[in-house]
């Protein structure tokens, strides 16, 4: 039987990872440092222990990305 490997948030969002300024996402939506978000995205904290987003944090990230998408669309519409 195959074991399905759990993907990190970074792996799930690889398509957009380099196009987003994650430090801004971290401070604007979470009130946290860039390193905090980086550790959550990578699934490892500074000590190498596994970490993941709580359900509430996932919702915050999801809503932040929706907000960013809406803002990008609004800017594009003005062109």
N, C-alpha and C. Protein backbone atom coordinates (compact mmCIF):
# COMPACT_ATOMS: atom_id res chain seq x y z
N UNK A 1 0.84 -1.18 0.00
CA UNK A 1 0.00 0.00 0.00
C UNK A 1 0.89 1.24 0.00
N UNK A 2 0.59 2.20 -0.89
CA UNK A 2 1.36 3.42 -0.99
C UNK A 2 0.99 4.39 0.13
N UNK A 3 2.01 5.07 0.64
CA UNK A 3 1.77 6.10 1.63
C UNK A 3 1.77 7.44 0.92
N UNK A 4 0.70 8.20 1.08
CA UNK A 4 0.60 9.50 0.44
C UNK A 4 1.33 10.54 1.29
N UNK A 5 2.32 11.20 0.69
CA UNK A 5 3.11 12.19 1.41
C UNK A 5 2.31 13.49 1.50
N UNK A 6 2.29 14.06 2.70
CA UNK A 6 1.61 15.32 2.92
C UNK A 6 2.46 16.45 2.36
N UNK A 7 1.85 17.32 1.56
CA UNK A 7 2.57 18.44 0.96
C UNK A 7 2.60 19.62 1.92
N UNK A 8 3.72 20.35 1.89
CA UNK A 8 3.80 21.58 2.67
C UNK A 8 2.99 22.66 1.96
N UNK A 9 2.68 23.71 2.67
CA UNK A 9 1.97 24.84 2.07
C UNK A 9 2.79 25.40 0.91
N UNK A 10 4.09 25.43 1.07
CA UNK A 10 4.97 25.92 0.01
C UNK A 10 4.82 25.07 -1.25
N UNK A 11 4.77 23.77 -1.11
CA UNK A 11 4.59 22.89 -2.26
C UNK A 11 3.22 23.08 -2.91
N UNK A 12 2.21 23.29 -2.08
CA UNK A 12 0.87 23.50 -2.61
C UNK A 12 0.76 24.79 -3.43
N UNK A 13 1.54 25.80 -3.05
CA UNK A 13 1.45 27.10 -3.70
C UNK A 13 2.66 27.42 -4.57
N UNK A 14 3.38 26.41 -5.01
CA UNK A 14 4.61 26.59 -5.77
C UNK A 14 4.41 27.47 -7.00
N UNK A 15 3.27 27.38 -7.66
CA UNK A 15 3.02 28.13 -8.88
C UNK A 15 3.11 29.64 -8.67
N UNK A 16 2.79 30.13 -7.49
CA UNK A 16 2.79 31.57 -7.24
C UNK A 16 3.86 32.02 -6.25
N UNK A 17 4.61 31.09 -5.72
CA UNK A 17 5.51 31.37 -4.60
C UNK A 17 6.50 32.50 -4.88
N UNK A 18 7.06 32.57 -6.08
CA UNK A 18 8.06 33.59 -6.37
C UNK A 18 7.43 34.93 -6.76
N UNK A 19 6.16 34.95 -7.01
CA UNK A 19 5.50 36.18 -7.45
C UNK A 19 4.84 36.96 -6.31
N UNK A 20 4.90 36.43 -5.12
CA UNK A 20 4.25 37.06 -3.97
C UNK A 20 5.31 37.59 -3.01
N UNK A 21 5.09 38.76 -2.45
CA UNK A 21 5.98 39.30 -1.43
C UNK A 21 5.47 38.79 -0.08
N UNK A 22 6.02 37.67 0.37
CA UNK A 22 5.51 36.96 1.53
C UNK A 22 5.71 37.73 2.83
N UNK A 23 6.73 38.57 2.91
CA UNK A 23 6.93 39.38 4.12
C UNK A 23 5.72 40.29 4.33
N UNK A 24 5.20 40.84 3.24
CA UNK A 24 4.02 41.70 3.34
C UNK A 24 2.79 40.91 3.75
N UNK A 25 2.63 39.72 3.21
CA UNK A 25 1.50 38.85 3.58
C UNK A 25 1.57 38.55 5.07
N UNK A 26 2.76 38.22 5.54
CA UNK A 26 2.94 37.84 6.94
C UNK A 26 2.58 38.99 7.89
N UNK A 27 3.05 40.18 7.58
CA UNK A 27 2.78 41.30 8.48
C UNK A 27 1.36 41.84 8.32
N UNK A 28 0.88 41.94 7.08
CA UNK A 28 -0.44 42.53 6.84
C UNK A 28 -1.58 41.65 7.36
N UNK A 29 -1.51 40.36 7.13
CA UNK A 29 -2.64 39.49 7.46
C UNK A 29 -2.47 38.73 8.77
N UNK A 30 -1.22 38.49 9.18
CA UNK A 30 -0.98 37.72 10.40
C UNK A 30 -0.40 38.55 11.54
N UNK A 31 0.21 39.69 11.22
CA UNK A 31 0.90 40.47 12.24
C UNK A 31 2.13 39.75 12.75
N UNK A 32 2.74 38.96 11.90
CA UNK A 32 3.91 38.14 12.28
C UNK A 32 5.10 38.47 11.38
N UNK A 33 6.25 37.94 11.74
CA UNK A 33 7.47 38.18 10.98
C UNK A 33 7.51 37.30 9.72
N UNK A 34 8.38 37.71 8.81
CA UNK A 34 8.59 36.93 7.58
C UNK A 34 9.09 35.53 7.92
N UNK A 35 9.97 35.44 8.91
CA UNK A 35 10.53 34.13 9.26
C UNK A 35 9.44 33.20 9.82
N UNK A 36 8.48 33.75 10.56
CA UNK A 36 7.37 32.94 11.07
C UNK A 36 6.62 32.31 9.91
N UNK A 37 6.28 33.13 8.91
CA UNK A 37 5.53 32.60 7.77
C UNK A 37 6.37 31.62 6.97
N UNK A 38 7.65 31.92 6.80
CA UNK A 38 8.54 31.03 6.07
C UNK A 38 8.60 29.65 6.73
N UNK A 39 8.69 29.63 8.04
CA UNK A 39 8.73 28.36 8.76
C UNK A 39 7.42 27.59 8.58
N UNK A 40 6.30 28.30 8.66
CA UNK A 40 4.99 27.65 8.46
C UNK A 40 4.88 27.10 7.04
N UNK A 41 5.34 27.90 6.07
CA UNK A 41 5.25 27.49 4.67
C UNK A 41 6.10 26.24 4.40
N UNK A 42 7.29 26.21 5.01
CA UNK A 42 8.21 25.08 4.81
C UNK A 42 7.86 23.86 5.66
N UNK A 43 7.02 24.06 6.68
CA UNK A 43 6.64 22.95 7.54
C UNK A 43 7.66 22.60 8.61
N UNK A 44 8.65 23.48 8.80
CA UNK A 44 9.69 23.25 9.82
C UNK A 44 9.96 24.54 10.56
N UNK A 45 10.09 24.46 11.88
CA UNK A 45 10.45 25.66 12.63
C UNK A 45 11.96 25.81 12.67
N UNK A 46 12.45 26.82 13.37
CA UNK A 46 13.88 27.09 13.43
C UNK A 46 14.71 25.98 14.05
N UNK A 47 14.07 25.10 14.81
CA UNK A 47 14.76 23.98 15.43
C UNK A 47 14.64 22.69 14.62
N UNK A 48 13.96 22.76 13.48
CA UNK A 48 13.78 21.59 12.63
C UNK A 48 12.56 20.76 12.98
N UNK A 49 11.79 21.21 13.96
CA UNK A 49 10.56 20.49 14.33
C UNK A 49 9.47 20.79 13.30
N UNK A 50 8.60 19.82 13.09
CA UNK A 50 7.51 20.01 12.14
C UNK A 50 6.47 20.97 12.70
N UNK A 51 6.04 21.90 11.85
CA UNK A 51 4.98 22.85 12.17
C UNK A 51 4.03 22.91 10.98
N UNK A 52 2.80 23.26 11.25
CA UNK A 52 1.87 23.48 10.15
C UNK A 52 0.88 24.55 10.55
N UNK A 53 0.16 25.03 9.57
CA UNK A 53 -0.85 26.05 9.82
C UNK A 53 -2.03 25.45 10.57
N UNK A 54 -2.53 26.19 11.55
CA UNK A 54 -3.78 25.80 12.20
C UNK A 54 -4.91 26.06 11.21
N UNK A 55 -6.08 25.57 11.50
CA UNK A 55 -7.22 25.81 10.62
C UNK A 55 -7.51 27.30 10.53
N UNK A 56 -7.39 28.01 11.62
CA UNK A 56 -7.61 29.45 11.63
C UNK A 56 -6.57 30.17 10.77
N UNK A 57 -5.32 29.75 10.88
CA UNK A 57 -4.25 30.34 10.07
C UNK A 57 -4.45 30.04 8.59
N UNK A 58 -4.91 28.86 8.26
CA UNK A 58 -5.21 28.53 6.86
C UNK A 58 -6.29 29.45 6.32
N UNK A 59 -7.30 29.70 7.12
CA UNK A 59 -8.39 30.59 6.72
C UNK A 59 -7.86 32.02 6.52
N UNK A 60 -7.00 32.47 7.41
CA UNK A 60 -6.39 33.80 7.28
C UNK A 60 -5.57 33.89 6.00
N UNK A 61 -4.77 32.87 5.72
CA UNK A 61 -3.97 32.86 4.50
C UNK A 61 -4.87 32.83 3.27
N UNK A 62 -5.86 32.00 3.28
CA UNK A 62 -6.81 31.90 2.16
C UNK A 62 -7.45 33.27 1.90
N UNK A 63 -7.95 33.91 2.95
CA UNK A 63 -8.60 35.21 2.79
C UNK A 63 -7.61 36.29 2.33
N UNK A 64 -6.38 36.22 2.81
CA UNK A 64 -5.35 37.16 2.35
C UNK A 64 -5.07 37.01 0.87
N UNK A 65 -5.00 35.77 0.41
CA UNK A 65 -4.77 35.53 -1.02
C UNK A 65 -5.96 35.98 -1.86
N UNK A 66 -7.17 35.76 -1.36
CA UNK A 66 -8.36 36.27 -2.05
C UNK A 66 -8.33 37.79 -2.13
N UNK A 67 -7.96 38.44 -1.02
CA UNK A 67 -7.87 39.89 -1.00
C UNK A 67 -6.84 40.39 -2.00
N UNK A 68 -5.68 39.75 -2.02
CA UNK A 68 -4.63 40.13 -2.96
C UNK A 68 -5.09 39.93 -4.40
N UNK A 69 -5.76 38.83 -4.67
CA UNK A 69 -6.28 38.56 -6.02
C UNK A 69 -7.27 39.64 -6.44
N UNK A 70 -8.12 40.04 -5.52
CA UNK A 70 -9.10 41.08 -5.81
C UNK A 70 -8.41 42.41 -6.10
N UNK A 71 -7.39 42.73 -5.31
CA UNK A 71 -6.66 43.98 -5.51
C UNK A 71 -5.91 43.97 -6.84
N UNK A 72 -5.33 42.84 -7.22
CA UNK A 72 -4.64 42.73 -8.51
C UNK A 72 -5.64 42.90 -9.65
N UNK A 73 -6.80 42.26 -9.53
CA UNK A 73 -7.84 42.39 -10.55
C UNK A 73 -8.29 43.84 -10.69
N UNK A 74 -8.51 44.52 -9.56
CA UNK A 74 -8.92 45.92 -9.59
C UNK A 74 -7.87 46.79 -10.29
N UNK A 75 -6.60 46.54 -10.03
CA UNK A 75 -5.54 47.29 -10.70
C UNK A 75 -5.52 47.01 -12.19
N UNK A 76 -5.66 45.75 -12.55
CA UNK A 76 -5.66 45.37 -13.98
C UNK A 76 -6.83 46.01 -14.70
N UNK A 77 -7.98 46.09 -14.05
CA UNK A 77 -9.17 46.69 -14.67
C UNK A 77 -8.99 48.18 -14.95
N UNK A 78 -8.11 48.82 -14.21
CA UNK A 78 -7.88 50.26 -14.38
C UNK A 78 -6.96 50.57 -15.56
N UNK A 79 -6.32 49.56 -16.10
CA UNK A 79 -5.37 49.77 -17.19
C UNK A 79 -6.11 49.98 -18.50
